[in-house]
PDBML (XML) file of the C-alpha atoms, coordinates in Angstrom:
<?xml version="1.0" encoding="UTF-8" ?>
<PDBx:datablock datablockName="MODEL"
   xmlns:PDBx="http://pdbml.pdb.org/schema/pdbx-v50.xsd"
   xmlns:xsi="http://www.w3.org/2001/XMLSchema-instance"
   xsi:schemaLocation="http://pdbml.pdb.org/schema/pdbx-v50.xsd pdbx-v50.xsd">
   <PDBx:atom_siteCategory>
      <PDBx:atom_site id="1">
         <PDBx:B_iso_or_equiv>0.00</PDBx:B_iso_or_equiv>
         <PDBx:Cartn_x>89.208</PDBx:Cartn_x>
         <PDBx:Cartn_y>-47.025</PDBx:Cartn_y>
         <PDBx:Cartn_z>3.825</PDBx:Cartn_z>
         <PDBx:auth_asym_id>A</PDBx:auth_asym_id>
         <PDBx:auth_atom_id>CA</PDBx:auth_atom_id>
         <PDBx:auth_comp_id>ILE</PDBx:auth_comp_id>
         <PDBx:auth_seq_id>1</PDBx:auth_seq_id>
         <PDBx:group_PDB>ATOM</PDBx:group_PDB>
         <PDBx:label_alt_id xsi:nil="true" />
         <PDBx:label_asym_id>A</PDBx:label_asym_id>
         <PDBx:label_atom_id>CA</PDBx:label_atom_id>
         <PDBx:label_comp_id>ILE</PDBx:label_comp_id>
         <PDBx:label_entity_id>1</PDBx:label_entity_id>
         <PDBx:label_seq_id>1</PDBx:label_seq_id>
         <PDBx:occupancy>1.00</PDBx:occupancy>
         <PDBx:pdbx_PDB_model_num>1</PDBx:pdbx_PDB_model_num>
         <PDBx:type_symbol>C</PDBx:type_symbol>
      </PDBx:atom_site>
      <PDBx:atom_site id="2">
         <PDBx:B_iso_or_equiv>0.00</PDBx:B_iso_or_equiv>
         <PDBx:Cartn_x>90.476</PDBx:Cartn_x>
         <PDBx:Cartn_y>-44.063</PDBx:Cartn_y>
         <PDBx:Cartn_z>1.838</PDBx:Cartn_z>
         <PDBx:auth_asym_id>A</PDBx:auth_asym_id>
         <PDBx:auth_atom_id>CA</PDBx:auth_atom_id>
         <PDBx:auth_comp_id>SER</PDBx:auth_comp_id>
         <PDBx:auth_seq_id>2</PDBx:auth_seq_id>
         <PDBx:group_PDB>ATOM</PDBx:group_PDB>
         <PDBx:label_alt_id xsi:nil="true" />
         <PDBx:label_asym_id>A</PDBx:label_asym_id>
         <PDBx:label_atom_id>CA</PDBx:label_atom_id>
         <PDBx:label_comp_id>SER</PDBx:label_comp_id>
         <PDBx:label_entity_id>1</PDBx:label_entity_id>
         <PDBx:label_seq_id>2</PDBx:label_seq_id>
         <PDBx:occupancy>1.00</PDBx:occupancy>
         <PDBx:pdbx_PDB_model_num>1</PDBx:pdbx_PDB_model_num>
         <PDBx:type_symbol>C</PDBx:type_symbol>
      </PDBx:atom_site>
      <PDBx:atom_site id="3">
         <PDBx:B_iso_or_equiv>0.00</PDBx:B_iso_or_equiv>
         <PDBx:Cartn_x>87.796</PDBx:Cartn_x>
         <PDBx:Cartn_y>-42.142</PDBx:Cartn_y>
         <PDBx:Cartn_z>-0.002</PDBx:Cartn_z>
         <PDBx:auth_asym_id>A</PDBx:auth_asym_id>
         <PDBx:auth_atom_id>CA</PDBx:auth_atom_id>
         <PDBx:auth_comp_id>GLY</PDBx:auth_comp_id>
         <PDBx:auth_seq_id>3</PDBx:auth_seq_id>
         <PDBx:group_PDB>ATOM</PDBx:group_PDB>
         <PDBx:label_alt_id xsi:nil="true" />
         <PDBx:label_asym_id>A</PDBx:label_asym_id>
         <PDBx:label_atom_id>CA</PDBx:label_atom_id>
         <PDBx:label_comp_id>GLY</PDBx:label_comp_id>
         <PDBx:label_entity_id>1</PDBx:label_entity_id>
         <PDBx:label_seq_id>3</PDBx:label_seq_id>
         <PDBx:occupancy>1.00</PDBx:occupancy>
         <PDBx:pdbx_PDB_model_num>1</PDBx:pdbx_PDB_model_num>
         <PDBx:type_symbol>C</PDBx:type_symbol>
      </PDBx:atom_site>
      <PDBx:atom_site id="4">
         <PDBx:B_iso_or_equiv>0.00</PDBx:B_iso_or_equiv>
         <PDBx:Cartn_x>89.702</PDBx:Cartn_x>
         <PDBx:Cartn_y>-42.611</PDBx:Cartn_y>
         <PDBx:Cartn_z>-3.245</PDBx:Cartn_z>
         <PDBx:auth_asym_id>A</PDBx:auth_asym_id>
         <PDBx:auth_atom_id>CA</PDBx:auth_atom_id>
         <PDBx:auth_comp_id>ASN</PDBx:auth_comp_id>
         <PDBx:auth_seq_id>4</PDBx:auth_seq_id>
         <PDBx:group_PDB>ATOM</PDBx:group_PDB>
         <PDBx:label_alt_id xsi:nil="true" />
         <PDBx:label_asym_id>A</PDBx:label_asym_id>
         <PDBx:label_atom_id>CA</PDBx:label_atom_id>
         <PDBx:label_comp_id>ASN</PDBx:label_comp_id>
         <PDBx:label_entity_id>1</PDBx:label_entity_id>
         <PDBx:label_seq_id>4</PDBx:label_seq_id>
         <PDBx:occupancy>1.00</PDBx:occupancy>
         <PDBx:pdbx_PDB_model_num>1</PDBx:pdbx_PDB_model_num>
         <PDBx:type_symbol>C</PDBx:type_symbol>
      </PDBx:atom_site>
      <PDBx:atom_site id="5">
         <PDBx:B_iso_or_equiv>0.00</PDBx:B_iso_or_equiv>
         <PDBx:Cartn_x>89.801</PDBx:Cartn_x>
         <PDBx:Cartn_y>-46.399</PDBx:Cartn_y>
         <PDBx:Cartn_z>-2.864</PDBx:Cartn_z>
         <PDBx:auth_asym_id>A</PDBx:auth_asym_id>
         <PDBx:auth_atom_id>CA</PDBx:auth_atom_id>
         <PDBx:auth_comp_id>GLU</PDBx:auth_comp_id>
         <PDBx:auth_seq_id>5</PDBx:auth_seq_id>
         <PDBx:group_PDB>ATOM</PDBx:group_PDB>
         <PDBx:label_alt_id xsi:nil="true" />
         <PDBx:label_asym_id>A</PDBx:label_asym_id>
         <PDBx:label_atom_id>CA</PDBx:label_atom_id>
         <PDBx:label_comp_id>GLU</PDBx:label_comp_id>
         <PDBx:label_entity_id>1</PDBx:label_entity_id>
         <PDBx:label_seq_id>5</PDBx:label_seq_id>
         <PDBx:occupancy>1.00</PDBx:occupancy>
         <PDBx:pdbx_PDB_model_num>1</PDBx:pdbx_PDB_model_num>
         <PDBx:type_symbol>C</PDBx:type_symbol>
      </PDBx:atom_site>
      <PDBx:atom_site id="6">
         <PDBx:B_iso_or_equiv>0.00</PDBx:B_iso_or_equiv>
         <PDBx:Cartn_x>86.120</PDBx:Cartn_x>
         <PDBx:Cartn_y>-46.588</PDBx:Cartn_y>
         <PDBx:Cartn_z>-1.950</PDBx:Cartn_z>
         <PDBx:auth_asym_id>A</PDBx:auth_asym_id>
         <PDBx:auth_atom_id>CA</PDBx:auth_atom_id>
         <PDBx:auth_comp_id>LEU</PDBx:auth_comp_id>
         <PDBx:auth_seq_id>6</PDBx:auth_seq_id>
         <PDBx:group_PDB>ATOM</PDBx:group_PDB>
         <PDBx:label_alt_id xsi:nil="true" />
         <PDBx:label_asym_id>A</PDBx:label_asym_id>
         <PDBx:label_atom_id>CA</PDBx:label_atom_id>
         <PDBx:label_comp_id>LEU</PDBx:label_comp_id>
         <PDBx:label_entity_id>1</PDBx:label_entity_id>
         <PDBx:label_seq_id>6</PDBx:label_seq_id>
         <PDBx:occupancy>1.00</PDBx:occupancy>
         <PDBx:pdbx_PDB_model_num>1</PDBx:pdbx_PDB_model_num>
         <PDBx:type_symbol>C</PDBx:type_symbol>
      </PDBx:atom_site>
      <PDBx:atom_site id="7">
         <PDBx:B_iso_or_equiv>0.00</PDBx:B_iso_or_equiv>
         <PDBx:Cartn_x>85.228</PDBx:Cartn_x>
         <PDBx:Cartn_y>-44.551</PDBx:Cartn_y>
         <PDBx:Cartn_z>-5.042</PDBx:Cartn_z>
         <PDBx:auth_asym_id>A</PDBx:auth_asym_id>
         <PDBx:auth_atom_id>CA</PDBx:auth_atom_id>
         <PDBx:auth_comp_id>ALA</PDBx:auth_comp_id>
         <PDBx:auth_seq_id>7</PDBx:auth_seq_id>
         <PDBx:group_PDB>ATOM</PDBx:group_PDB>
         <PDBx:label_alt_id xsi:nil="true" />
         <PDBx:label_asym_id>A</PDBx:label_asym_id>
         <PDBx:label_atom_id>CA</PDBx:label_atom_id>
         <PDBx:label_comp_id>ALA</PDBx:label_comp_id>
         <PDBx:label_entity_id>1</PDBx:label_entity_id>
         <PDBx:label_seq_id>7</PDBx:label_seq_id>
         <PDBx:occupancy>1.00</PDBx:occupancy>
         <PDBx:pdbx_PDB_model_num>1</PDBx:pdbx_PDB_model_num>
         <PDBx:type_symbol>C</PDBx:type_symbol>
      </PDBx:atom_site>
      <PDBx:atom_site id="8">
         <PDBx:B_iso_or_equiv>0.00</PDBx:B_iso_or_equiv>
         <PDBx:Cartn_x>87.509</PDBx:Cartn_x>
         <PDBx:Cartn_y>-46.651</PDBx:Cartn_y>
         <PDBx:Cartn_z>-7.237</PDBx:Cartn_z>
         <PDBx:auth_asym_id>A</PDBx:auth_asym_id>
         <PDBx:auth_atom_id>CA</PDBx:auth_atom_id>
         <PDBx:auth_comp_id>GLY</PDBx:auth_comp_id>
         <PDBx:auth_seq_id>8</PDBx:auth_seq_id>
         <PDBx:group_PDB>ATOM</PDBx:group_PDB>
         <PDBx:label_alt_id xsi:nil="true" />
         <PDBx:label_asym_id>A</PDBx:label_asym_id>
         <PDBx:label_atom_id>CA</PDBx:label_atom_id>
         <PDBx:label_comp_id>GLY</PDBx:label_comp_id>
         <PDBx:label_entity_id>1</PDBx:label_entity_id>
         <PDBx:label_seq_id>8</PDBx:label_seq_id>
         <PDBx:occupancy>1.00</PDBx:occupancy>
         <PDBx:pdbx_PDB_model_num>1</PDBx:pdbx_PDB_model_num>
         <PDBx:type_symbol>C</PDBx:type_symbol>
      </PDBx:atom_site>
      <PDBx:atom_site id="9">
         <PDBx:B_iso_or_equiv>0.00</PDBx:B_iso_or_equiv>
         <PDBx:Cartn_x>85.850</PDBx:Cartn_x>
         <PDBx:Cartn_y>-49.865</PDBx:Cartn_y>
         <PDBx:Cartn_z>-6.110</PDBx:Cartn_z>
         <PDBx:auth_asym_id>A</PDBx:auth_asym_id>
         <PDBx:auth_atom_id>CA</PDBx:auth_atom_id>
         <PDBx:auth_comp_id>ARG</PDBx:auth_comp_id>
         <PDBx:auth_seq_id>9</PDBx:auth_seq_id>
         <PDBx:group_PDB>ATOM</PDBx:group_PDB>
         <PDBx:label_alt_id xsi:nil="true" />
         <PDBx:label_asym_id>A</PDBx:label_asym_id>
         <PDBx:label_atom_id>CA</PDBx:label_atom_id>
         <PDBx:label_comp_id>ARG</PDBx:label_comp_id>
         <PDBx:label_entity_id>1</PDBx:label_entity_id>
         <PDBx:label_seq_id>9</PDBx:label_seq_id>
         <PDBx:occupancy>1.00</PDBx:occupancy>
         <PDBx:pdbx_PDB_model_num>1</PDBx:pdbx_PDB_model_num>
         <PDBx:type_symbol>C</PDBx:type_symbol>
      </PDBx:atom_site>
      <PDBx:atom_site id="10">
         <PDBx:B_iso_or_equiv>0.00</PDBx:B_iso_or_equiv>
         <PDBx:Cartn_x>82.389</PDBx:Cartn_x>
         <PDBx:Cartn_y>-48.422</PDBx:Cartn_y>
         <PDBx:Cartn_z>-6.679</PDBx:Cartn_z>
         <PDBx:auth_asym_id>A</PDBx:auth_asym_id>
         <PDBx:auth_atom_id>CA</PDBx:auth_atom_id>
         <PDBx:auth_comp_id>ALA</PDBx:auth_comp_id>
         <PDBx:auth_seq_id>10</PDBx:auth_seq_id>
         <PDBx:group_PDB>ATOM</PDBx:group_PDB>
         <PDBx:label_alt_id xsi:nil="true" />
         <PDBx:label_asym_id>A</PDBx:label_asym_id>
         <PDBx:label_atom_id>CA</PDBx:label_atom_id>
         <PDBx:label_comp_id>ALA</PDBx:label_comp_id>
         <PDBx:label_entity_id>1</PDBx:label_entity_id>
         <PDBx:label_seq_id>10</PDBx:label_seq_id>
         <PDBx:occupancy>1.00</PDBx:occupancy>
         <PDBx:pdbx_PDB_model_num>1</PDBx:pdbx_PDB_model_num>
         <PDBx:type_symbol>C</PDBx:type_symbol>
      </PDBx:atom_site>
      <PDBx:atom_site id="11">
         <PDBx:B_iso_or_equiv>0.00</PDBx:B_iso_or_equiv>
         <PDBx:Cartn_x>83.331</PDBx:Cartn_x>
         <PDBx:Cartn_y>-47.219</PDBx:Cartn_y>
         <PDBx:Cartn_z>-10.161</PDBx:Cartn_z>
         <PDBx:auth_asym_id>A</PDBx:auth_asym_id>
         <PDBx:auth_atom_id>CA</PDBx:auth_atom_id>
         <PDBx:auth_comp_id>TYR</PDBx:auth_comp_id>
         <PDBx:auth_seq_id>11</PDBx:auth_seq_id>
         <PDBx:group_PDB>ATOM</PDBx:group_PDB>
         <PDBx:label_alt_id xsi:nil="true" />
         <PDBx:label_asym_id>A</PDBx:label_asym_id>
         <PDBx:label_atom_id>CA</PDBx:label_atom_id>
         <PDBx:label_comp_id>TYR</PDBx:label_comp_id>
         <PDBx:label_entity_id>1</PDBx:label_entity_id>
         <PDBx:label_seq_id>11</PDBx:label_seq_id>
         <PDBx:occupancy>1.00</PDBx:occupancy>
         <PDBx:pdbx_PDB_model_num>1</PDBx:pdbx_PDB_model_num>
         <PDBx:type_symbol>C</PDBx:type_symbol>
      </PDBx:atom_site>
      <PDBx:atom_site id="12">
         <PDBx:B_iso_or_equiv>0.00</PDBx:B_iso_or_equiv>
         <PDBx:Cartn_x>84.677</PDBx:Cartn_x>
         <PDBx:Cartn_y>-50.660</PDBx:Cartn_y>
         <PDBx:Cartn_z>-11.086</PDBx:Cartn_z>
         <PDBx:auth_asym_id>A</PDBx:auth_asym_id>
         <PDBx:auth_atom_id>CA</PDBx:auth_atom_id>
         <PDBx:auth_comp_id>THR</PDBx:auth_comp_id>
         <PDBx:auth_seq_id>12</PDBx:auth_seq_id>
         <PDBx:group_PDB>ATOM</PDBx:group_PDB>
         <PDBx:label_alt_id xsi:nil="true" />
         <PDBx:label_asym_id>A</PDBx:label_asym_id>
         <PDBx:label_atom_id>CA</PDBx:label_atom_id>
         <PDBx:label_comp_id>THR</PDBx:label_comp_id>
         <PDBx:label_entity_id>1</PDBx:label_entity_id>
         <PDBx:label_seq_id>12</PDBx:label_seq_id>
         <PDBx:occupancy>1.00</PDBx:occupancy>
         <PDBx:pdbx_PDB_model_num>1</PDBx:pdbx_PDB_model_num>
         <PDBx:type_symbol>C</PDBx:type_symbol>
      </PDBx:atom_site>
      <PDBx:atom_site id="13">
         <PDBx:B_iso_or_equiv>0.00</PDBx:B_iso_or_equiv>
         <PDBx:Cartn_x>81.454</PDBx:Cartn_x>
         <PDBx:Cartn_y>-52.186</PDBx:Cartn_y>
         <PDBx:Cartn_z>-9.800</PDBx:Cartn_z>
         <PDBx:auth_asym_id>A</PDBx:auth_asym_id>
         <PDBx:auth_atom_id>CA</PDBx:auth_atom_id>
         <PDBx:auth_comp_id>GLN</PDBx:auth_comp_id>
         <PDBx:auth_seq_id>13</PDBx:auth_seq_id>
         <PDBx:group_PDB>ATOM</PDBx:group_PDB>
         <PDBx:label_alt_id xsi:nil="true" />
         <PDBx:label_asym_id>A</PDBx:label_asym_id>
         <PDBx:label_atom_id>CA</PDBx:label_atom_id>
         <PDBx:label_comp_id>GLN</PDBx:label_comp_id>
         <PDBx:label_entity_id>1</PDBx:label_entity_id>
         <PDBx:label_seq_id>13</PDBx:label_seq_id>
         <PDBx:occupancy>1.00</PDBx:occupancy>
         <PDBx:pdbx_PDB_model_num>1</PDBx:pdbx_PDB_model_num>
         <PDBx:type_symbol>C</PDBx:type_symbol>
      </PDBx:atom_site>
      <PDBx:atom_site id="14">
         <PDBx:B_iso_or_equiv>0.00</PDBx:B_iso_or_equiv>
         <PDBx:Cartn_x>79.340</PDBx:Cartn_x>
         <PDBx:Cartn_y>-49.797</PDBx:Cartn_y>
         <PDBx:Cartn_z>-11.882</PDBx:Cartn_z>
         <PDBx:auth_asym_id>A</PDBx:auth_asym_id>
         <PDBx:auth_atom_id>CA</PDBx:auth_atom_id>
         <PDBx:auth_comp_id>ALA</PDBx:auth_comp_id>
         <PDBx:auth_seq_id>14</PDBx:auth_seq_id>
         <PDBx:group_PDB>ATOM</PDBx:group_PDB>
         <PDBx:label_alt_id xsi:nil="true" />
         <PDBx:label_asym_id>A</PDBx:label_asym_id>
         <PDBx:label_atom_id>CA</PDBx:label_atom_id>
         <PDBx:label_comp_id>ALA</PDBx:label_comp_id>
         <PDBx:label_entity_id>1</PDBx:label_entity_id>
         <PDBx:label_seq_id>14</PDBx:label_seq_id>
         <PDBx:occupancy>1.00</PDBx:occupancy>
         <PDBx:pdbx_PDB_model_num>1</PDBx:pdbx_PDB_model_num>
         <PDBx:type_symbol>C</PDBx:type_symbol>
      </PDBx:atom_site>
      <PDBx:atom_site id="15">
         <PDBx:B_iso_or_equiv>0.00</PDBx:B_iso_or_equiv>
         <PDBx:Cartn_x>81.372</PDBx:Cartn_x>
         <PDBx:Cartn_y>-50.660</PDBx:Cartn_y>
         <PDBx:Cartn_z>-15.000</PDBx:Cartn_z>
         <PDBx:auth_asym_id>A</PDBx:auth_asym_id>
         <PDBx:auth_atom_id>CA</PDBx:auth_atom_id>
         <PDBx:auth_comp_id>GLN</PDBx:auth_comp_id>
         <PDBx:auth_seq_id>15</PDBx:auth_seq_id>
         <PDBx:group_PDB>ATOM</PDBx:group_PDB>
         <PDBx:label_alt_id xsi:nil="true" />
         <PDBx:label_asym_id>A</PDBx:label_asym_id>
         <PDBx:label_atom_id>CA</PDBx:label_atom_id>
         <PDBx:label_comp_id>GLN</PDBx:label_comp_id>
         <PDBx:label_entity_id>1</PDBx:label_entity_id>
         <PDBx:label_seq_id>15</PDBx:label_seq_id>
         <PDBx:occupancy>1.00</PDBx:occupancy>
         <PDBx:pdbx_PDB_model_num>1</PDBx:pdbx_PDB_model_num>
         <PDBx:type_symbol>C</PDBx:type_symbol>
      </PDBx:atom_site>
      <PDBx:atom_site id="16">
         <PDBx:B_iso_or_equiv>0.00</PDBx:B_iso_or_equiv>
         <PDBx:Cartn_x>80.915</PDBx:Cartn_x>
         <PDBx:Cartn_y>-54.355</PDBx:Cartn_y>
         <PDBx:Cartn_z>-14.274</PDBx:Cartn_z>
         <PDBx:auth_asym_id>A</PDBx:auth_asym_id>
         <PDBx:auth_atom_id>CA</PDBx:auth_atom_id>
         <PDBx:auth_comp_id>LYS</PDBx:auth_comp_id>
         <PDBx:auth_seq_id>16</PDBx:auth_seq_id>
         <PDBx:group_PDB>ATOM</PDBx:group_PDB>
         <PDBx:label_alt_id xsi:nil="true" />
         <PDBx:label_asym_id>A</PDBx:label_asym_id>
         <PDBx:label_atom_id>CA</PDBx:label_atom_id>
         <PDBx:label_comp_id>LYS</PDBx:label_comp_id>
         <PDBx:label_entity_id>1</PDBx:label_entity_id>
         <PDBx:label_seq_id>16</PDBx:label_seq_id>
         <PDBx:occupancy>1.00</PDBx:occupancy>
         <PDBx:pdbx_PDB_model_num>1</PDBx:pdbx_PDB_model_num>
         <PDBx:type_symbol>C</PDBx:type_symbol>
      </PDBx:atom_site>
      <PDBx:atom_site id="17">
         <PDBx:B_iso_or_equiv>0.00</PDBx:B_iso_or_equiv>
         <PDBx:Cartn_x>77.149</PDBx:Cartn_x>
         <PDBx:Cartn_y>-53.921</PDBx:Cartn_y>
         <PDBx:Cartn_z>-14.614</PDBx:Cartn_z>
         <PDBx:auth_asym_id>A</PDBx:auth_asym_id>
         <PDBx:auth_atom_id>CA</PDBx:auth_atom_id>
         <PDBx:auth_comp_id>PHE</PDBx:auth_comp_id>
         <PDBx:auth_seq_id>17</PDBx:auth_seq_id>
         <PDBx:group_PDB>ATOM</PDBx:group_PDB>
         <PDBx:label_alt_id xsi:nil="true" />
         <PDBx:label_asym_id>A</PDBx:label_asym_id>
         <PDBx:label_atom_id>CA</PDBx:label_atom_id>
         <PDBx:label_comp_id>PHE</PDBx:label_comp_id>
         <PDBx:label_entity_id>1</PDBx:label_entity_id>
         <PDBx:label_seq_id>17</PDBx:label_seq_id>
         <PDBx:occupancy>1.00</PDBx:occupancy>
         <PDBx:pdbx_PDB_model_num>1</PDBx:pdbx_PDB_model_num>
         <PDBx:type_symbol>C</PDBx:type_symbol>
      </PDBx:atom_site>
      <PDBx:atom_site id="18">
         <PDBx:B_iso_or_equiv>0.00</PDBx:B_iso_or_equiv>
         <PDBx:Cartn_x>77.440</PDBx:Cartn_x>
         <PDBx:Cartn_y>-51.941</PDBx:Cartn_y>
         <PDBx:Cartn_z>-17.836</PDBx:Cartn_z>
         <PDBx:auth_asym_id>A</PDBx:auth_asym_id>
         <PDBx:auth_atom_id>CA</PDBx:auth_atom_id>
         <PDBx:auth_comp_id>GLY</PDBx:auth_comp_id>
         <PDBx:auth_seq_id>18</PDBx:auth_seq_id>
         <PDBx:group_PDB>ATOM</PDBx:group_PDB>
         <PDBx:label_alt_id xsi:nil="true" />
         <PDBx:label_asym_id>A</PDBx:label_asym_id>
         <PDBx:label_atom_id>CA</PDBx:label_atom_id>
         <PDBx:label_comp_id>GLY</PDBx:label_comp_id>
         <PDBx:label_entity_id>1</PDBx:label_entity_id>
         <PDBx:label_seq_id>18</PDBx:label_seq_id>
         <PDBx:occupancy>1.00</PDBx:occupancy>
         <PDBx:pdbx_PDB_model_num>1</PDBx:pdbx_PDB_model_num>
         <PDBx:type_symbol>C</PDBx:type_symbol>
      </PDBx:atom_site>
      <PDBx:atom_site id="19">
         <PDBx:B_iso_or_equiv>0.00</PDBx:B_iso_or_equiv>
         <PDBx:Cartn_x>77.261</PDBx:Cartn_x>
         <PDBx:Cartn_y>-48.309</PDBx:Cartn_y>
         <PDBx:Cartn_z>-16.710</PDBx:Cartn_z>
         <PDBx:auth_asym_id>A</PDBx:auth_asym_id>
         <PDBx:auth_atom_id>CA</PDBx:auth_atom_id>
         <PDBx:auth_comp_id>ALA</PDBx:auth_comp_id>
         <PDBx:auth_seq_id>19</PDBx:auth_seq_id>
         <PDBx:group_PDB>ATOM</PDBx:group_PDB>
         <PDBx:label_alt_id xsi:nil="true" />
         <PDBx:label_asym_id>A</PDBx:label_asym_id>
         <PDBx:label_atom_id>CA</PDBx:label_atom_id>
         <PDBx:label_comp_id>ALA</PDBx:label_comp_id>
         <PDBx:label_entity_id>1</PDBx:label_entity_id>
         <PDBx:label_seq_id>19</PDBx:label_seq_id>
         <PDBx:occupancy>1.00</PDBx:occupancy>
         <PDBx:pdbx_PDB_model_num>1</PDBx:pdbx_PDB_model_num>
         <PDBx:type_symbol>C</PDBx:type_symbol>
      </PDBx:atom_site>
      <PDBx:atom_site id="20">
         <PDBx:B_iso_or_equiv>0.00</PDBx:B_iso_or_equiv>
         <PDBx:Cartn_x>79.363</PDBx:Cartn_x>
         <PDBx:Cartn_y>-45.934</PDBx:Cartn_y>
         <PDBx:Cartn_z>-18.776</PDBx:Cartn_z>
         <PDBx:auth_asym_id>A</PDBx:auth_asym_id>
         <PDBx:auth_atom_id>CA</PDBx:auth_atom_id>
         <PDBx:auth_comp_id>GLN</PDBx:auth_comp_id>
         <PDBx:auth_seq_id>20</PDBx:auth_seq_id>
         <PDBx:group_PDB>ATOM</PDBx:group_PDB>
         <PDBx:label_alt_id xsi:nil="true" />
         <PDBx:label_asym_id>A</PDBx:label_asym_id>
         <PDBx:label_atom_id>CA</PDBx:label_atom_id>
         <PDBx:label_comp_id>GLN</PDBx:label_comp_id>
         <PDBx:label_entity_id>1</PDBx:label_entity_id>
         <PDBx:label_seq_id>20</PDBx:label_seq_id>
         <PDBx:occupancy>1.00</PDBx:occupancy>
         <PDBx:pdbx_PDB_model_num>1</PDBx:pdbx_PDB_model_num>
         <PDBx:type_symbol>C</PDBx:type_symbol>
      </PDBx:atom_site>
      <PDBx:atom_site id="21">
         <PDBx:B_iso_or_equiv>0.00</PDBx:B_iso_or_equiv>
         <PDBx:Cartn_x>81.141</PDBx:Cartn_x>
         <PDBx:Cartn_y>-42.848</PDBx:Cartn_y>
         <PDBx:Cartn_z>-17.453</PDBx:Cartn_z>
         <PDBx:auth_asym_id>A</PDBx:auth_asym_id>
         <PDBx:auth_atom_id>CA</PDBx:auth_atom_id>
         <PDBx:auth_comp_id>MET</PDBx:auth_comp_id>
         <PDBx:auth_seq_id>21</PDBx:auth_seq_id>
         <PDBx:group_PDB>ATOM</PDBx:group_PDB>
         <PDBx:label_alt_id xsi:nil="true" />
         <PDBx:label_asym_id>A</PDBx:label_asym_id>
         <PDBx:label_atom_id>CA</PDBx:label_atom_id>
         <PDBx:label_comp_id>MET</PDBx:label_comp_id>
         <PDBx:label_entity_id>1</PDBx:label_entity_id>
         <PDBx:label_seq_id>21</PDBx:label_seq_id>
         <PDBx:occupancy>1.00</PDBx:occupancy>
         <PDBx:pdbx_PDB_model_num>1</PDBx:pdbx_PDB_model_num>
         <PDBx:type_symbol>C</PDBx:type_symbol>
      </PDBx:atom_site>
      <PDBx:atom_site id="22">
         <PDBx:B_iso_or_equiv>0.00</PDBx:B_iso_or_equiv>
         <PDBx:Cartn_x>82.175</PDBx:Cartn_x>
         <PDBx:Cartn_y>-39.752</PDBx:Cartn_y>
         <PDBx:Cartn_z>-19.363</PDBx:Cartn_z>
         <PDBx:auth_asym_id>A</PDBx:auth_asym_id>
         <PDBx:auth_atom_id>CA</PDBx:auth_atom_id>
         <PDBx:auth_comp_id>LEU</PDBx:auth_comp_id>
         <PDBx:auth_seq_id>22</PDBx:auth_seq_id>
         <PDBx:group_PDB>ATOM</PDBx:group_PDB>
         <PDBx:label_alt_id xsi:nil="true" />
         <PDBx:label_asym_id>A</PDBx:label_asym_id>
         <PDBx:label_atom_id>CA</PDBx:label_atom_id>
         <PDBx:label_comp_id>LEU</PDBx:label_comp_id>
         <PDBx:label_entity_id>1</PDBx:label_entity_id>
         <PDBx:label_seq_id>22</PDBx:label_seq_id>
         <PDBx:occupancy>1.00</PDBx:occupancy>
         <PDBx:pdbx_PDB_model_num>1</PDBx:pdbx_PDB_model_num>
         <PDBx:type_symbol>C</PDBx:type_symbol>
      </PDBx:atom_site>
      <PDBx:atom_site id="23">
         <PDBx:B_iso_or_equiv>0.00</PDBx:B_iso_or_equiv>
         <PDBx:Cartn_x>84.507</PDBx:Cartn_x>
         <PDBx:Cartn_y>-37.072</PDBx:Cartn_y>
         <PDBx:Cartn_z>-17.990</PDBx:Cartn_z>
         <PDBx:auth_asym_id>A</PDBx:auth_asym_id>
         <PDBx:auth_atom_id>CA</PDBx:auth_atom_id>
         <PDBx:auth_comp_id>LEU</PDBx:auth_comp_id>
         <PDBx:auth_seq_id>23</PDBx:auth_seq_id>
         <PDBx:group_PDB>ATOM</PDBx:group_PDB>
         <PDBx:label_alt_id xsi:nil="true" />
         <PDBx:label_asym_id>A</PDBx:label_asym_id>
         <PDBx:label_atom_id>CA</PDBx:label_atom_id>
         <PDBx:label_comp_id>LEU</PDBx:label_comp_id>
         <PDBx:label_entity_id>1</PDBx:label_entity_id>
         <PDBx:label_seq_id>23</PDBx:label_seq_id>
         <PDBx:occupancy>1.00</PDBx:occupancy>
         <PDBx:pdbx_PDB_model_num>1</PDBx:pdbx_PDB_model_num>
         <PDBx:type_symbol>C</PDBx:type_symbol>
      </PDBx:atom_site>
      <PDBx:atom_site id="24">
         <PDBx:B_iso_or_equiv>0.00</PDBx:B_iso_or_equiv>
         <PDBx:Cartn_x>83.586</PDBx:Cartn_x>
         <PDBx:Cartn_y>-33.696</PDBx:Cartn_y>
         <PDBx:Cartn_z>-19.408</PDBx:Cartn_z>
         <PDBx:auth_asym_id>A</PDBx:auth_asym_id>
         <PDBx:auth_atom_id>CA</PDBx:auth_atom_id>
         <PDBx:auth_comp_id>THR</PDBx:auth_comp_id>
         <PDBx:auth_seq_id>24</PDBx:auth_seq_id>
         <PDBx:group_PDB>ATOM</PDBx:group_PDB>
         <PDBx:label_alt_id xsi:nil="true" />
         <PDBx:label_asym_id>A</PDBx:label_asym_id>
         <PDBx:label_atom_id>CA</PDBx:label_atom_id>
         <PDBx:label_comp_id>THR</PDBx:label_comp_id>
         <PDBx:label_entity_id>1</PDBx:label_entity_id>
         <PDBx:label_seq_id>24</PDBx:label_seq_id>
         <PDBx:occupancy>1.00</PDBx:occupancy>
         <PDBx:pdbx_PDB_model_num>1</PDBx:pdbx_PDB_model_num>
         <PDBx:type_symbol>C</PDBx:type_symbol>
      </PDBx:atom_site>
   </PDBx:atom_siteCategory>
</PDBx:datablock>
């Protein structure tokens, strides 16, 4: 799997459980 796709899936999963992300 591409690293970008793996990260994208993990980020979606984290959002699903309520984690927030901030780019700064």
